Amino acid sequence: MGLLAIIPLLGAFIVWVSAALFLSIDGHWGQAIILSLWGLIVVATIDNLLRPILVGQRLQLPTVLAFISVVGGISVFGPAGLILGPVTLSITMVLLEIWPRPAVLAVSRSADQEAISRFENEGGSPASKFCTNKTTALA
C-alpha cells in the first residue's frame, strides 16, 4: 500500500481509507476514527495542498510528468530514483528547449537561398561590381 501513496491526488487517500476500513471491520472503532481524522486533516492537506506547491515550484513540472518521472526513476534507479528520475526529466526538458530545431534551420537555409538567388539576379558576384572587365572579375 505504500507504493500507492506516490500516485497524485488519490494515492494517499486509498491508503488511509483502506486502513481505516480494515480497522473498523476488525472492531477497532476508536483507532479507525482517529486514523480517518488524521487522514482528512493532516494527510489530505499535505497531499493536496502542500505537495503541488512545493513540487511545482521546485521542479517546475506538471504533476503528471513529476509522477511519471518518479515512478520511472524508481524502476530504473531503485530508491535513488525518487531524486534521479525528476532530475533526469528536468535535464532532458532543458536540453530539448535549447536544442536547435531542424524546422528553424530549414527556414533560414531557404531564406539564404532566396537571398543568394536575388543577389545573383540583381548584379551577379561581388567582384563584378568593382571590375568593368568580366574576365578579370572571374580571375
Protein backbone atom coordinates (compact mmCIF):
# COMPACT_ATOMS: atom_id res chain seq x y z
CA MET A 1 0.00 0.00 0.00
CA GLY A 2 2.97 2.32 0.45
CA LEU A 3 3.55 2.49 -3.31
CA LEU A 4 0.02 3.84 -3.82
CA ALA A 5 0.95 6.96 -1.86
CA ILE A 6 3.10 8.07 -4.82
CA ILE A 7 0.02 8.40 -7.06
CA PRO A 8 -1.13 12.04 -7.16
CA LEU A 9 -4.48 13.00 -5.55
CA LEU A 10 -5.87 9.50 -4.89
CA GLY A 11 -2.83 7.57 -3.67
CA ALA A 12 -2.67 8.58 -0.02
CA PHE A 13 -6.47 8.61 0.17
CA ILE A 14 -6.64 4.97 -0.92
CA VAL A 15 -4.04 4.00 1.67
CA TRP A 16 -5.57 5.61 4.77
CA VAL A 17 -9.21 4.89 3.82
CA SER A 18 -8.48 1.20 3.28
CA ALA A 19 -6.56 1.05 6.57
CA ALA A 20 -9.43 2.80 8.41
CA LEU A 21 -11.95 0.39 6.86
CA PHE A 22 -9.82 -2.55 7.90
CA LEU A 23 -9.64 -1.23 11.46
CA SER A 24 -13.40 -0.68 11.61
CA ILE A 25 -14.15 -4.16 10.25
CA ASP A 26 -11.71 -5.61 12.78
CA GLY A 27 -13.67 -3.91 15.57
CA HIS A 28 -11.22 -1.12 16.45
CA TRP A 29 -13.67 1.78 16.04
CA GLY A 30 -11.66 4.31 18.03
CA GLN A 31 -8.49 3.73 16.04
CA ALA A 32 -10.47 3.85 12.77
CA ILE A 33 -11.97 7.23 13.71
CA ILE A 34 -8.58 8.62 14.76
CA LEU A 35 -6.98 7.40 11.54
CA SER A 36 -9.83 8.87 9.48
CA LEU A 37 -9.50 12.25 11.19
CA TRP A 38 -5.72 12.17 10.76
CA GLY A 39 -6.14 11.31 7.06
CA LEU A 40 -8.73 14.02 6.47
CA ILE A 41 -6.92 16.79 8.32
CA VAL A 42 -3.18 16.14 8.02
CA VAL A 43 -2.62 13.77 5.09
CA ALA A 44 -5.15 15.39 2.75
CA THR A 45 -3.78 18.86 3.49
CA ILE A 46 -0.21 17.81 2.79
CA ASP A 47 -1.07 15.69 -0.24
CA ASN A 48 -3.47 18.06 -1.97
CA LEU A 49 -2.21 21.50 -0.94
CA LEU A 50 1.43 21.46 0.09
CA ARG A 51 2.83 18.88 -2.32
CA PRO A 52 1.71 20.69 -5.52
CA ILE A 53 3.05 23.97 -4.14
CA LEU A 54 6.44 22.53 -3.18
CA VAL A 55 6.83 20.20 -6.15
CA GLY A 56 5.52 22.76 -8.64
CA GLN A 57 7.95 25.47 -7.53
CA ARG A 58 10.97 23.24 -7.09
CA LEU A 59 10.67 21.01 -10.15
CA GLN A 60 8.66 23.32 -12.40
CA LEU A 61 7.00 20.23 -13.84
CA PRO A 62 3.33 19.35 -14.20
CA THR A 63 2.08 16.84 -11.62
CA VAL A 64 1.62 14.05 -14.17
CA LEU A 65 5.17 14.43 -15.51
CA ALA A 66 6.56 14.55 -11.98
CA PHE A 67 4.68 11.34 -11.16
CA ILE A 68 5.88 9.56 -14.29
CA SER A 69 9.46 10.68 -13.65
CA VAL A 70 9.34 9.44 -10.04
CA VAL A 71 7.88 6.05 -11.00
CA GLY A 72 10.28 5.71 -13.93
CA GLY A 73 13.20 6.77 -11.75
CA ILE A 74 12.32 4.17 -9.12
CA SER A 75 12.00 1.44 -11.74
CA VAL A 76 15.34 2.34 -13.37
CA PHE A 77 17.50 3.58 -10.49
CA GLY A 78 15.83 1.96 -7.47
CA PRO A 79 15.29 4.08 -4.34
CA ALA A 80 17.64 6.77 -5.64
CA GLY A 81 15.17 7.21 -8.50
CA LEU A 82 12.99 9.36 -6.25
CA ILE A 83 15.52 12.10 -6.93
CA LEU A 84 17.24 10.92 -10.11
CA GLY A 85 14.01 10.45 -12.09
CA PRO A 86 12.79 14.05 -11.83
CA VAL A 87 16.33 15.38 -12.25
CA THR A 88 16.74 13.34 -15.45
CA LEU A 89 13.42 14.61 -16.78
CA SER A 90 14.27 18.22 -15.93
CA ILE A 91 17.65 17.99 -17.67
CA THR A 92 16.03 16.38 -20.72
CA MET A 93 13.39 19.12 -20.92
CA VAL A 94 16.04 21.86 -20.69
CA LEU A 95 18.15 20.20 -23.39
CA LEU A 96 15.12 19.91 -25.67
CA GLU A 97 14.36 23.61 -25.17
CA ILE A 98 17.86 24.76 -26.13
CA TRP A 99 18.49 22.19 -28.86
CA PRO A 100 18.30 23.78 -32.36
CA ARG A 101 15.22 22.73 -34.25
CA PRO A 102 15.55 21.47 -37.85
CA ALA A 103 12.45 23.40 -39.00
CA VAL A 104 14.03 26.69 -37.97
CA LEU A 105 17.26 25.80 -39.78
CA ALA A 106 15.35 24.80 -42.92
CA VAL A 107 13.57 28.15 -42.97
CA SER A 108 16.84 30.05 -42.55
CA ARG A 109 18.51 27.99 -45.29
CA SER A 110 15.65 28.65 -47.71
CA ALA A 111 15.85 32.34 -46.82
CA ASP A 112 19.60 32.24 -47.55
CA GLN A 113 18.94 30.56 -50.91
CA GLU A 114 16.38 33.24 -51.77
CA ALA A 115 18.85 35.98 -50.85
CA ILE A 116 21.61 34.39 -52.95
CA SER A 117 19.36 33.98 -55.98
CA ARG A 118 18.07 37.56 -55.60
CA PHE A 119 21.67 38.79 -55.36
CA GLU A 120 22.70 36.88 -58.47
CA ASN A 121 19.70 38.17 -60.42
CA GLU A 122 20.36 41.79 -59.44
CA GLY A 123 24.07 42.03 -60.06
CA GLY A 124 25.99 38.81 -60.04
CA SER A 125 29.05 38.22 -57.92
CA PRO A 126 30.65 40.85 -55.67
CA ALA A 127 33.74 41.07 -57.90
CA SER A 128 31.66 42.15 -60.91
CA LYS A 129 30.57 45.33 -59.11
CA PHE A 130 34.16 46.54 -58.81
CA CYS A 131 35.57 45.41 -62.15
CA THR A 132 34.33 46.51 -65.51
CA ASN A 133 36.08 43.70 -67.38
CA LYS A 134 34.21 40.40 -66.90
CA THR A 135 37.34 38.30 -67.48
CA THR A 136 39.20 39.96 -64.59
CA ALA A 137 36.17 39.61 -62.35
CA LEU A 138 36.27 35.84 -62.71
CA ALA A 139 40.00 35.57 -62.13
